[in-house]
């Protein structure tokens, strides 16, 4: 496999301490990983969204320091989320106009021109600061597709013109395809999560083929799902999870089985690699707080 990655969740008010991040980088190298993903959401100090990140977030200076220290030994990959899981931006006075629904859900209105502009600016900042070939744009769990002041008429109009098409798939692709192309034009590789492509497979027709798809399957082998994405002409990364998000500590047997199944599928299908995902613990607390 060409990539052995794991992601660390800095969102949901986690504190990006540079000392802890250095320790995680060293641990990643000792564990044989080639990449460390930093899952950011609003916990990165985006210049284009100074209203959202708060104190204790990851800054450009911190990211550059990590890259300087571990260059050639570990690749630091930014994981943005540019549609769903955007709540850290939406639940602010400045960002509330981007929401798909007021005081409901975690998703932005994908057809909102202002939201599209801020997504482009975030991508540009990630390209400016992070040296990684891979820029992950998010895209998972977008259950509110078609909701919102701008998206609802967009979907209605598309469905009227193309009654045989999945309008929500078209909306999804119309949002992410330009962002993926923006990354590609900069000479990098765009990536998105794969789950919505199983709900709306027509979106695969409109996504750039150079997009790397991250197939997260936390309760089963990704052999069948990743195989479908491969058949559609895309490169794929299998993504198991450390089961902490659904536990006060960790469901260890389930975690080990999930990771072994993903590794076996990645080997059988000759995938790009495996990305072990980690998410915040129960009650949105860090391990140190729980202990």
C-alpha atoms as a PDB file:
ATOM      1  CA  UNK A   1       0.000   0.000   0.000  1.00  0.00           C
ATOM      2  CA  UNK A   2       1.194   3.467  -0.857  1.00  0.00           C
ATOM      3  CA  UNK A   3      -0.376   5.276   2.090  1.00  0.00           C
ATOM      4  CA  UNK A   4      -0.621   4.395   5.778  1.00  0.00           C
ATOM      5  CA  UNK A   5      -2.461   7.257   7.436  1.00  0.00           C
ATOM      6  CA  UNK A   6      -4.418   8.022  10.543  1.00  0.00           C
ATOM      7  CA  UNK A   7      -6.443  11.137  11.315  1.00  0.00           C
ATOM      8  CA  UNK A   8      -6.577  13.086  14.544  1.00  0.00           C
ATOM      9  CA  UNK A   9      -9.735  15.021  15.388  1.00  0.00           C
ATOM     10  CA  UNK A  10      -8.999  18.657  16.215  1.00  0.00           C
ATOM     11  CA  UNK A  11     -12.617  19.770  15.753  1.00  0.00           C
ATOM     12  CA  UNK A  12     -15.417  19.934  18.330  1.00  0.00           C
ATOM     13  CA  UNK A  13     -13.411  22.304  20.553  1.00  0.00           C
ATOM     14  CA  UNK A  14     -10.336  20.103  20.865  1.00  0.00           C
ATOM     15  CA  UNK A  15      -7.166  22.009  21.737  1.00  0.00           C
ATOM     16  CA  UNK A  16      -4.354  21.963  19.160  1.00  0.00           C
ATOM     17  CA  UNK A  17      -1.358  21.910  21.500  1.00  0.00           C
ATOM     18  CA  UNK A  18       1.873  21.917  19.502  1.00  0.00           C
ATOM     19  CA  UNK A  19       3.656  19.695  22.007  1.00  0.00           C
ATOM     20  CA  UNK A  20       0.912  17.079  21.809  1.00  0.00           C
ATOM     21  CA  UNK A  21       0.924  17.262  18.017  1.00  0.00           C
ATOM     22  CA  UNK A  22       4.699  16.703  17.957  1.00  0.00           C
ATOM     23  CA  UNK A  23       4.224  13.643  20.164  1.00  0.00           C
ATOM     24  CA  UNK A  24       1.526  12.334  17.815  1.00  0.00           C
ATOM     25  CA  UNK A  25       3.824  12.849  14.827  1.00  0.00           C
ATOM     26  CA  UNK A  26       6.620  10.884  16.487  1.00  0.00           C
ATOM     27  CA  UNK A  27       4.173   8.155  17.449  1.00  0.00           C
ATOM     28  CA  UNK A  28       2.913   8.022  13.857  1.00  0.00           C
ATOM     29  CA  UNK A  29       6.418   7.500  12.522  1.00  0.00           C
ATOM     30  CA  UNK A  30       7.205   4.796  15.072  1.00  0.00           C
ATOM     31  CA  UNK A  31       3.954   3.063  14.123  1.00  0.00           C
ATOM     32  CA  UNK A  32       4.934   2.929  10.454  1.00  0.00           C
ATOM     33  CA  UNK A  33       2.520   5.578   9.213  1.00  0.00           C
ATOM     34  CA  UNK A  34       3.396   7.693   6.212  1.00  0.00           C
ATOM     35  CA  UNK A  35       0.722  10.382   6.736  1.00  0.00           C
ATOM     36  CA  UNK A  36      -1.024  12.114   9.626  1.00  0.00           C
ATOM     37  CA  UNK A  37      -4.356  13.756   8.858  1.00  0.00           C
ATOM     38  CA  UNK A  38      -5.471  16.725  10.954  1.00  0.00           C
ATOM     39  CA  UNK A  39      -9.270  16.964  10.931  1.00  0.00           C
ATOM     40  CA  UNK A  40      -9.995  20.662  11.307  1.00  0.00           C
ATOM     41  CA  UNK A  41     -13.568  21.841  10.667  1.00  0.00           C
ATOM     42  CA  UNK A  42     -13.590  25.327  12.302  1.00  0.00           C
ATOM     43  CA  UNK A  43     -10.597  24.632  14.567  1.00  0.00           C
ATOM     44  CA  UNK A  44      -8.069  26.115  12.158  1.00  0.00           C
ATOM     45  CA  UNK A  45      -7.402  29.848  12.101  1.00  0.00           C
ATOM     46  CA  UNK A  46      -8.729  30.552   8.617  1.00  0.00           C
ATOM     47  CA  UNK A  47      -8.089  34.167   7.642  1.00  0.00           C
ATOM     48  CA  UNK A  48     -11.341  34.107   5.665  1.00  0.00           C
ATOM     49  CA  UNK A  49     -13.377  33.083   8.747  1.00  0.00           C
ATOM     50  CA  UNK A  50     -11.851  34.760  11.813  1.00  0.00           C
ATOM     51  CA  UNK A  51     -15.255  34.644  13.514  1.00  0.00           C
ATOM     52  CA  UNK A  52     -15.306  30.861  13.914  1.00  0.00           C
ATOM     53  CA  UNK A  53     -12.135  29.311  15.246  1.00  0.00           C
ATOM     54  CA  UNK A  54     -11.828  30.617  18.821  1.00  0.00           C
ATOM     55  CA  UNK A  55      -8.823  30.070  21.092  1.00  0.00           C
ATOM     56  CA  UNK A  56      -6.577  27.016  21.126  1.00  0.00           C
ATOM     57  CA  UNK A  57      -7.011  26.214  17.441  1.00  0.00           C
ATOM     58  CA  UNK A  58      -4.401  25.135  14.912  1.00  0.00           C
ATOM     59  CA  UNK A  59      -2.660  28.060  13.246  1.00  0.00           C
ATOM     60  CA  UNK A  60      -0.679  28.384  10.032  1.00  0.00           C
ATOM     61  CA  UNK A  61       2.479  28.924  12.078  1.00  0.00           C
ATOM     62  CA  UNK A  62       1.899  25.668  13.982  1.00  0.00           C
ATOM     63  CA  UNK A  63       1.229  23.728  10.786  1.00  0.00           C
ATOM     64  CA  UNK A  64       4.398  25.087   9.188  1.00  0.00           C
ATOM     65  CA  UNK A  65       6.412  24.240  12.299  1.00  0.00           C
ATOM     66  CA  UNK A  66       5.223  20.623  12.203  1.00  0.00           C
ATOM     67  CA  UNK A  67       5.987  20.349   8.501  1.00  0.00           C
ATOM     68  CA  UNK A  68       9.462  21.810   8.942  1.00  0.00           C
ATOM     69  CA  UNK A  69      10.245  19.412  11.788  1.00  0.00           C
ATOM     70  CA  UNK A  70       8.936  16.240  10.158  1.00  0.00           C
ATOM     71  CA  UNK A  71       9.569  16.923   6.462  1.00  0.00           C
ATOM     72  CA  UNK A  72      10.689  13.767   4.697  1.00  0.00           C
ATOM     73  CA  UNK A  73       9.484  11.565   7.560  1.00  0.00           C
ATOM     74  CA  UNK A  74       5.745  12.243   7.799  1.00  0.00           C
ATOM     75  CA  UNK A  75       3.237  14.055   5.583  1.00  0.00           C
ATOM     76  CA  UNK A  76       0.735  16.322   7.365  1.00  0.00           C
ATOM     77  CA  UNK A  77      -2.616  16.285   5.542  1.00  0.00           C
ATOM     78  CA  UNK A  78      -5.370  18.880   6.128  1.00  0.00           C
ATOM     79  CA  UNK A  79      -8.906  17.504   6.418  1.00  0.00           C
ATOM     80  CA  UNK A  80     -11.417  20.272   5.774  1.00  0.00           C
ATOM     81  CA  UNK A  81     -15.170  19.813   5.748  1.00  0.00           C
ATOM     82  CA  UNK A  82     -16.847  22.022   3.196  1.00  0.00           C
ATOM     83  CA  UNK A  83     -20.555  21.144   3.299  1.00  0.00           C
ATOM     84  CA  UNK A  84     -21.632  18.894   6.168  1.00  0.00           C
ATOM     85  CA  UNK A  85     -20.181  19.182   9.685  1.00  0.00           C
ATOM     86  CA  UNK A  86     -19.938  22.926   9.158  1.00  0.00           C
ATOM     87  CA  UNK A  87     -21.693  23.759  12.414  1.00  0.00           C
ATOM     88  CA  UNK A  88     -18.731  25.519  13.981  1.00  0.00           C
ATOM     89  CA  UNK A  89     -19.143  28.209  11.335  1.00  0.00           C
ATOM     90  CA  UNK A  90     -22.941  28.132  11.109  1.00  0.00           C
ATOM     91  CA  UNK A  91     -23.631  28.686  14.795  1.00  0.00           C
ATOM     92  CA  UNK A  92     -22.020  32.103  14.808  1.00  0.00           C
ATOM     93  CA  UNK A  93     -23.558  35.461  14.021  1.00  0.00           C
ATOM     94  CA  UNK A  94     -21.369  35.904  10.938  1.00  0.00           C
ATOM     95  CA  UNK A  95     -21.853  32.371   9.609  1.00  0.00           C
ATOM     96  CA  UNK A  96     -25.542  31.719  10.264  1.00  0.00           C
ATOM     97  CA  UNK A  97     -26.556  32.926   6.789  1.00  0.00           C
ATOM     98  CA  UNK A  98     -24.779  29.893   5.276  1.00  0.00           C
ATOM     99  CA  UNK A  99     -26.920  27.327   7.116  1.00  0.00           C
ATOM    100  CA  UNK A 100     -29.165  24.947   5.200  1.00  0.00           C
ATOM    101  CA  UNK A 101     -31.734  25.215   8.001  1.00  0.00           C
ATOM    102  CA  UNK A 102     -31.886  27.624  10.918  1.00  0.00           C
ATOM    103  CA  UNK A 103     -31.026  25.978  14.245  1.00  0.00           C
ATOM    104  CA  UNK A 104     -31.176  22.530  12.668  1.00  0.00           C
ATOM    105  CA  UNK A 105     -28.499  20.156  11.454  1.00  0.00           C
ATOM    106  CA  UNK A 106     -24.842  20.602  10.692  1.00  0.00           C
ATOM    107  CA  UNK A 107     -24.843  21.480   7.021  1.00  0.00           C
ATOM    108  CA  UNK A 108     -24.416  24.570   4.892  1.00  0.00           C
ATOM    109  CA  UNK A 109     -26.613  25.570   1.977  1.00  0.00           C
ATOM    110  CA  UNK A 110     -24.540  24.187  -0.883  1.00  0.00           C
ATOM    111  CA  UNK A 111     -25.906  26.570  -3.521  1.00  0.00           C
ATOM    112  CA  UNK A 112     -25.350  29.704  -1.431  1.00  0.00           C
ATOM    113  CA  UNK A 113     -22.885  31.924  -3.381  1.00  0.00           C
ATOM    114  CA  UNK A 114     -21.387  33.312  -0.175  1.00  0.00           C
ATOM    115  CA  UNK A 115     -20.774  29.814   1.115  1.00  0.00           C
ATOM    116  CA  UNK A 116     -19.153  28.779  -2.151  1.00  0.00           C
ATOM    117  CA  UNK A 117     -16.832  31.798  -1.923  1.00  0.00           C
ATOM    118  CA  UNK A 118     -15.725  30.975   1.620  1.00  0.00           C
ATOM    119  CA  UNK A 119     -15.093  27.333   0.615  1.00  0.00           C
ATOM    120  CA  UNK A 120     -12.842  28.508  -2.215  1.00  0.00           C
ATOM    121  CA  UNK A 121     -10.975  30.763   0.191  1.00  0.00           C
ATOM    122  CA  UNK A 122     -10.475  27.889   2.672  1.00  0.00           C
ATOM    123  CA  UNK A 123      -9.121  25.659  -0.077  1.00  0.00           C
ATOM    124  CA  UNK A 124      -6.713  28.403  -1.138  1.00  0.00           C
ATOM    125  CA  UNK A 125      -5.477  28.836   2.441  1.00  0.00           C
ATOM    126  CA  UNK A 126      -4.951  25.077   2.809  1.00  0.00           C
ATOM    127  CA  UNK A 127      -2.984  25.022  -0.456  1.00  0.00           C
ATOM    128  CA  UNK A 128      -0.903  27.954   0.756  1.00  0.00           C
ATOM    129  CA  UNK A 129       0.029  26.507   4.149  1.00  0.00           C
ATOM    130  CA  UNK A 130       0.078  22.722   3.777  1.00  0.00           C
ATOM    131  CA  UNK A 131       2.723  21.044   1.629  1.00  0.00           C
ATOM    132  CA  UNK A 132       0.866  17.751   1.306  1.00  0.00           C
ATOM    133  CA  UNK A 133      -0.019  16.529  -2.166  1.00  0.00           C
ATOM    134  CA  UNK A 134      -3.389  15.541  -0.686  1.00  0.00           C
ATOM    135  CA  UNK A 135      -6.050  18.091   0.296  1.00  0.00           C
ATOM    136  CA  UNK A 136      -9.168  16.519   1.818  1.00  0.00           C
ATOM    137  CA  UNK A 137     -12.359  18.528   1.280  1.00  0.00           C
ATOM    138  CA  UNK A 138     -14.779  16.541   3.447  1.00  0.00           C
ATOM    139  CA  UNK A 139     -18.234  15.873   2.002  1.00  0.00           C
ATOM    140  CA  UNK A 140     -19.589  13.263   4.407  1.00  0.00           C
ATOM    141  CA  UNK A 141     -23.030  12.997   6.018  1.00  0.00           C
ATOM    142  CA  UNK A 142     -24.737  15.696   3.955  1.00  0.00           C
ATOM    143  CA  UNK A 143     -28.277  14.619   4.817  1.00  0.00           C
ATOM    144  CA  UNK A 144     -29.628  18.148   4.262  1.00  0.00           C
ATOM    145  CA  UNK A 145     -28.928  18.216   0.531  1.00  0.00           C
ATOM    146  CA  UNK A 146     -31.624  20.260  -1.158  1.00  0.00           C
ATOM    147  CA  UNK A 147     -32.446  22.222   1.978  1.00  0.00           C
ATOM    148  CA  UNK A 148     -31.867  25.942   2.177  1.00  0.00           C
ATOM    149  CA  UNK A 149     -32.852  29.219   0.574  1.00  0.00           C
ATOM    150  CA  UNK A 150     -30.583  28.626  -2.421  1.00  0.00           C
ATOM    151  CA  UNK A 151     -30.420  24.815  -2.638  1.00  0.00           C
ATOM    152  CA  UNK A 152     -34.157  24.118  -2.560  1.00  0.00           C
ATOM    153  CA  UNK A 153     -34.959  26.087  -5.759  1.00  0.00           C
ATOM    154  CA  UNK A 154     -31.752  24.760  -7.369  1.00  0.00           C
ATOM    155  CA  UNK A 155     -32.869  21.162  -6.814  1.00  0.00           C
ATOM    156  CA  UNK A 156     -36.449  21.935  -7.867  1.00  0.00           C
ATOM    157  CA  UNK A 157     -35.282  23.579 -11.096  1.00  0.00           C
ATOM    158  CA  UNK A 158     -32.846  20.780 -11.927  1.00  0.00           C
ATOM    159  CA  UNK A 159     -35.490  18.119 -11.308  1.00  0.00           C
ATOM    160  CA  UNK A 160     -37.936  19.918 -13.606  1.00  0.00           C
ATOM    161  CA  UNK A 161     -35.383  20.018 -16.434  1.00  0.00           C
ATOM    162  CA  UNK A 162     -33.980  16.522 -15.826  1.00  0.00           C
ATOM    163  CA  UNK A 163     -36.781  14.352 -14.379  1.00  0.00           C
ATOM    164  CA  UNK A 164     -34.746  11.190 -14.929  1.00  0.00           C
ATOM    165  CA  UNK A 165     -31.776  12.446 -12.876  1.00  0.00           C
ATOM    166  CA  UNK A 166     -31.006  12.577  -9.135  1.00  0.00           C
ATOM    167  CA  UNK A 167     -31.140  16.317  -8.449  1.00  0.00           C
ATOM    168  CA  UNK A 168     -29.456  15.971  -5.055  1.00  0.00           C
ATOM    169  CA  UNK A 169     -26.571  14.080  -6.665  1.00  0.00           C
ATOM    170  CA  UNK A 170     -26.220  16.895  -9.180  1.00  0.00           C
ATOM    171  CA  UNK A 171     -26.226  19.499  -6.400  1.00  0.00           C
ATOM    172  CA  UNK A 172     -23.556  17.580  -4.499  1.00  0.00           C
ATOM    173  CA  UNK A 173     -21.353  17.292  -7.575  1.00  0.00           C
ATOM    174  CA  UNK A 174     -21.915  20.920  -8.555  1.00  0.00           C
ATOM    175  CA  UNK A 175     -20.498  21.954  -5.192  1.00  0.00           C
ATOM    176  CA  UNK A 176     -17.537  19.589  -4.905  1.00  0.00           C
ATOM    177  CA  UNK A 177     -16.413  19.265  -8.518  1.00  0.00           C
ATOM    178  CA  UNK A 178     -15.208  22.892  -8.790  1.00  0.00           C
ATOM    179  CA  UNK A 179     -13.432  22.608  -5.435  1.00  0.00           C
ATOM    180  CA  UNK A 180     -11.727  19.379  -6.534  1.00  0.00           C
ATOM    181  CA  UNK A 181     -10.713  21.041  -9.796  1.00  0.00           C
ATOM    182  CA  UNK A 182      -9.337  23.989  -7.830  1.00  0.00           C
ATOM    183  CA  UNK A 183      -7.058  21.605  -5.931  1.00  0.00           C
ATOM    184  CA  UNK A 184      -6.056  19.771  -9.122  1.00  0.00           C
ATOM    185  CA  UNK A 185      -5.185  23.015 -10.940  1.00  0.00           C
ATOM    186  CA  UNK A 186      -2.810  23.795  -8.078  1.00  0.00           C
ATOM    187  CA  UNK A 187      -0.984  20.535  -8.816  1.00  0.00           C
ATOM    188  CA  UNK A 188      -2.377  18.653  -5.819  1.00  0.00           C
ATOM    189  CA  UNK A 189      -4.733  15.716  -5.291  1.00  0.00           C
ATOM    190  CA  UNK A 190      -8.288  16.402  -4.024  1.00  0.00           C
ATOM    191  CA  UNK A 191     -10.060  13.942  -1.738  1.00  0.00           C
ATOM    192  CA  UNK A 192     -13.585  13.558  -0.358  1.00  0.00           C
ATOM    193  CA  UNK A 193     -15.389  11.026   1.811  1.00  0.00           C
ATOM    194  CA  UNK A 194     -17.296   8.333  -0.060  1.00  0.00           C
ATOM    195  CA  UNK A 195     -20.490   7.750   1.930  1.00  0.00           C
ATOM    196  CA  UNK A 196     -22.749  10.168   0.028  1.00  0.00           C
ATOM    197  CA  UNK A 197     -21.673   8.609  -3.254  1.00  0.00           C
ATOM    198  CA  UNK A 198     -23.438   5.417  -2.209  1.00  0.00           C
ATOM    199  CA  UNK A 199     -26.629   7.358  -1.467  1.00  0.00           C
ATOM    200  CA  UNK A 200     -26.310   9.435  -4.657  1.00  0.00           C
ATOM    201  CA  UNK A 201     -24.161   7.403  -7.066  1.00  0.00           C
ATOM    202  CA  UNK A 202     -24.955   9.683 -10.010  1.00  0.00           C
ATOM    203  CA  UNK A 203     -22.597  12.233  -8.453  1.00  0.00           C
ATOM    204  CA  UNK A 204     -19.713   9.965  -9.468  1.00  0.00           C
ATOM    205  CA  UNK A 205     -20.399  10.851 -13.106  1.00  0.00           C
ATOM    206  CA  UNK A 206     -19.544  14.509 -12.519  1.00  0.00           C
ATOM    207  CA  UNK A 207     -16.664  14.301 -10.061  1.00  0.00           C
ATOM    208  CA  UNK A 208     -13.140  14.638 -11.501  1.00  0.00           C
ATOM    209  CA  UNK A 209     -11.574  11.193 -11.797  1.00  0.00           C
ATOM    210  CA  UNK A 210      -8.394  12.392 -10.083  1.00  0.00           C
ATOM    211  CA  UNK A 211     -10.404  12.778  -6.848  1.00  0.00           C
ATOM    212  CA  UNK A 212      -9.306  10.294  -4.171  1.00  0.00           C
ATOM    213  CA  UNK A 213     -12.283   8.730  -2.374  1.00  0.00           C
ATOM    214  CA  UNK A 214     -12.091   7.831   1.326  1.00  0.00           C
ATOM    215  CA  UNK A 215     -14.459   4.938   1.996  1.00  0.00           C
ATOM    216  CA  UNK A 216     -15.291   4.938   5.709  1.00  0.00           C
ATOM    217  CA  UNK A 217     -16.872   1.719   6.918  1.00  0.00           C
ATOM    218  CA  UNK A 218     -16.798   1.383  10.699  1.00  0.00           C
ATOM    219  CA  UNK A 219     -18.934  -1.740  11.143  1.00  0.00           C
ATOM    220  CA  UNK A 220     -18.084  -3.905   8.128  1.00  0.00           C
ATOM    221  CA  UNK A 221     -15.385  -4.632   5.601  1.00  0.00           C
ATOM    222  CA  UNK A 222     -15.056  -2.060   2.794  1.00  0.00           C
ATOM    223  CA  UNK A 223     -14.424  -4.817   0.268  1.00  0.00           C
ATOM    224  CA  UNK A 224     -17.773  -4.412  -1.513  1.00  0.00           C
ATOM    225  CA  UNK A 225     -18.114  -0.624  -1.202  1.00  0.00           C
ATOM    226  CA  UNK A 226     -14.539   0.202  -2.172  1.00  0.00           C
ATOM    227  CA  UNK A 227     -14.857  -2.245  -5.032  1.00  0.00           C
ATOM    228  CA  UNK A 228     -17.814  -0.262  -6.403  1.00  0.00           C
ATOM    229  CA  UNK A 229     -15.852   2.984  -6.224  1.00  0.00           C
ATOM    230  CA  UNK A 230     -12.920   1.337  -7.988  1.00  0.00           C
ATOM    231  CA  UNK A 231     -15.242   0.053 -10.714  1.00  0.00           C
ATOM    232  CA  UNK A 232     -16.424   3.637 -11.229  1.00  0.00           C
ATOM    233  CA  UNK A 233     -12.850   4.593 -12.086  1.00  0.00           C
ATOM    234  CA  UNK A 234     -11.681   6.186  -8.833  1.00  0.00           C
ATOM    235  CA  UNK A 235      -8.731   5.562  -6.560  1.00  0.00           C
ATOM    236  CA  UNK A 236      -9.823   4.645  -3.043  1.00  0.00           C
ATOM    237  CA  UNK A 237      -8.547   4.676   0.544  1.00  0.00           C
ATOM    238  CA  UNK A 238     -10.158   2.297   3.053  1.00  0.00           C
ATOM    239  CA  UNK A 239     -11.065   4.027   6.332  1.00  0.00           C
ATOM    240  CA  UNK A 240     -11.718   2.043   9.517  1.00  0.00           C
ATOM    241  CA  UNK A 241     -12.136   3.714  12.922  1.00  0.00           C
ATOM    242  CA  UNK A 242     -10.828   3.479  16.424  1.00  0.00           C
ATOM    243  CA  UNK A 243     -14.155   3.057  18.230  1.00  0.00           C
ATOM    244  CA  UNK A 244     -13.912   5.896  20.721  1.00  0.00           C
ATOM    245  CA  UNK A 245     -16.686   8.144  19.388  1.00  0.00           C
ATOM    246  CA  UNK A 246     -19.299   5.617  20.564  1.00  0.00           C
ATOM    247  CA  UNK A 247     -17.637   4.659  23.849  1.00  0.00           C
ATOM    248  CA  UNK A 248     -16.493   6.234  27.126  1.00  0.00           C
ATOM    249  CA  UNK A 249     -13.059   4.792  26.338  1.00  0.00           C
ATOM    250  CA  UNK A 250     -12.619   2.359  23.420  1.00  0.00           C
ATOM    251  CA  UNK A 251     -14.342  -0.729  22.052  1.00  0.00           C
ATOM    252  CA  UNK A 252     -11.098  -2.572  21.434  1.00  0.00           C
ATOM    253  CA  UNK A 253     -12.245  -5.871  19.831  1.00  0.00           C
ATOM    254  CA  UNK A 254     -14.492  -4.010  17.371  1.00  0.00           C
ATOM    255  CA  UNK A 255     -11.679  -1.602  16.593  1.00  0.00           C
ATOM    256  CA  UNK A 256      -9.183  -4.348  15.871  1.00  0.00           C
ATOM    257  CA  UNK A 257     -11.631  -6.266  13.666  1.00  0.00           C
ATOM    258  CA  UNK A 258     -12.528  -3.123  11.729  1.00  0.00           C
ATOM    259  CA  UNK A 259      -8.894  -2.225  11.055  1.00  0.00           C
ATOM    260  CA  UNK A 260      -7.956  -5.780  10.049  1.00  0.00           C
ATOM    261  CA  UNK A 261     -10.913  -5.996   7.647  1.00  0.00           C
ATOM    262  CA  UNK A 262      -9.975  -2.666   6.049  1.00  0.00           C
ATOM    263  CA  UNK A 263      -6.353  -3.694   5.657  1.00  0.00           C
ATOM    264  CA  UNK A 264      -7.357  -6.985   4.041  1.00  0.00           C
ATOM    265  CA  UNK A 265      -9.712  -5.207   1.617  1.00  0.00           C
ATOM    266  CA  UNK A 266      -7.071  -2.618   0.725  1.00  0.00           C
ATOM    267  CA  UNK A 267      -4.624  -5.426  -0.046  1.00  0.00           C
ATOM    268  CA  UNK A 268      -7.110  -7.488  -2.064  1.00  0.00           C
ATOM    269  CA  UNK A 269      -8.294  -4.498  -4.122  1.00  0.00           C
ATOM    270  CA  UNK A 270      -4.887  -2.824  -4.402  1.00  0.00           C
ATOM    271  CA  UNK A 271      -6.259   0.382  -2.896  1.00  0.00           C
ATOM    272  CA  UNK A 272      -4.176   3.500  -2.314  1.00  0.00           C
ATOM    273  CA  UNK A 273      -3.934   2.697   1.366  1.00  0.00           C
ATOM    274  CA  UNK A 274      -5.658   2.734   4.735  1.00  0.00           C
ATOM    275  CA  UNK A 275      -6.616   5.755   6.837  1.00  0.00           C
ATOM    276  CA  UNK A 276      -7.491   4.938  10.451  1.00  0.00           C
ATOM    277  CA  UNK A 277      -9.925   7.575  11.655  1.00  0.00           C
ATOM    278  CA  UNK A 278     -10.218   8.775  15.241  1.00  0.00           C
ATOM    279  CA  UNK A 279     -13.011  11.017  16.505  1.00  0.00           C
ATOM    280  CA  UNK A 280     -13.704  12.813  19.746  1.00  0.00           C
ATOM    281  CA  UNK A 281     -14.480  10.645  22.744  1.00  0.00           C
ATOM    282  CA  UNK A 282     -17.773  10.433  24.584  1.00  0.00           C
ATOM    283  CA  UNK A 283     -19.192  13.768  25.765  1.00  0.00           C
ATOM    284  CA  UNK A 284     -16.841  15.537  23.342  1.00  0.00           C
ATOM    285  CA  UNK A 285     -14.020  15.253  25.866  1.00  0.00           C
ATOM    286  CA  UNK A 286     -10.338  14.579  25.357  1.00  0.00           C
ATOM    287  CA  UNK A 287      -8.768  11.450  26.832  1.00  0.00           C
ATOM    288  CA  UNK A 288      -6.896  13.578  29.357  1.00  0.00           C
ATOM    289  CA  UNK A 289     -10.132  15.137  30.616  1.00  0.00           C
ATOM    290  CA  UNK A 290     -11.887  11.767  30.916  1.00  0.00           C
ATOM    291  CA  UNK A 291      -8.965  10.188  32.737  1.00  0.00           C
END
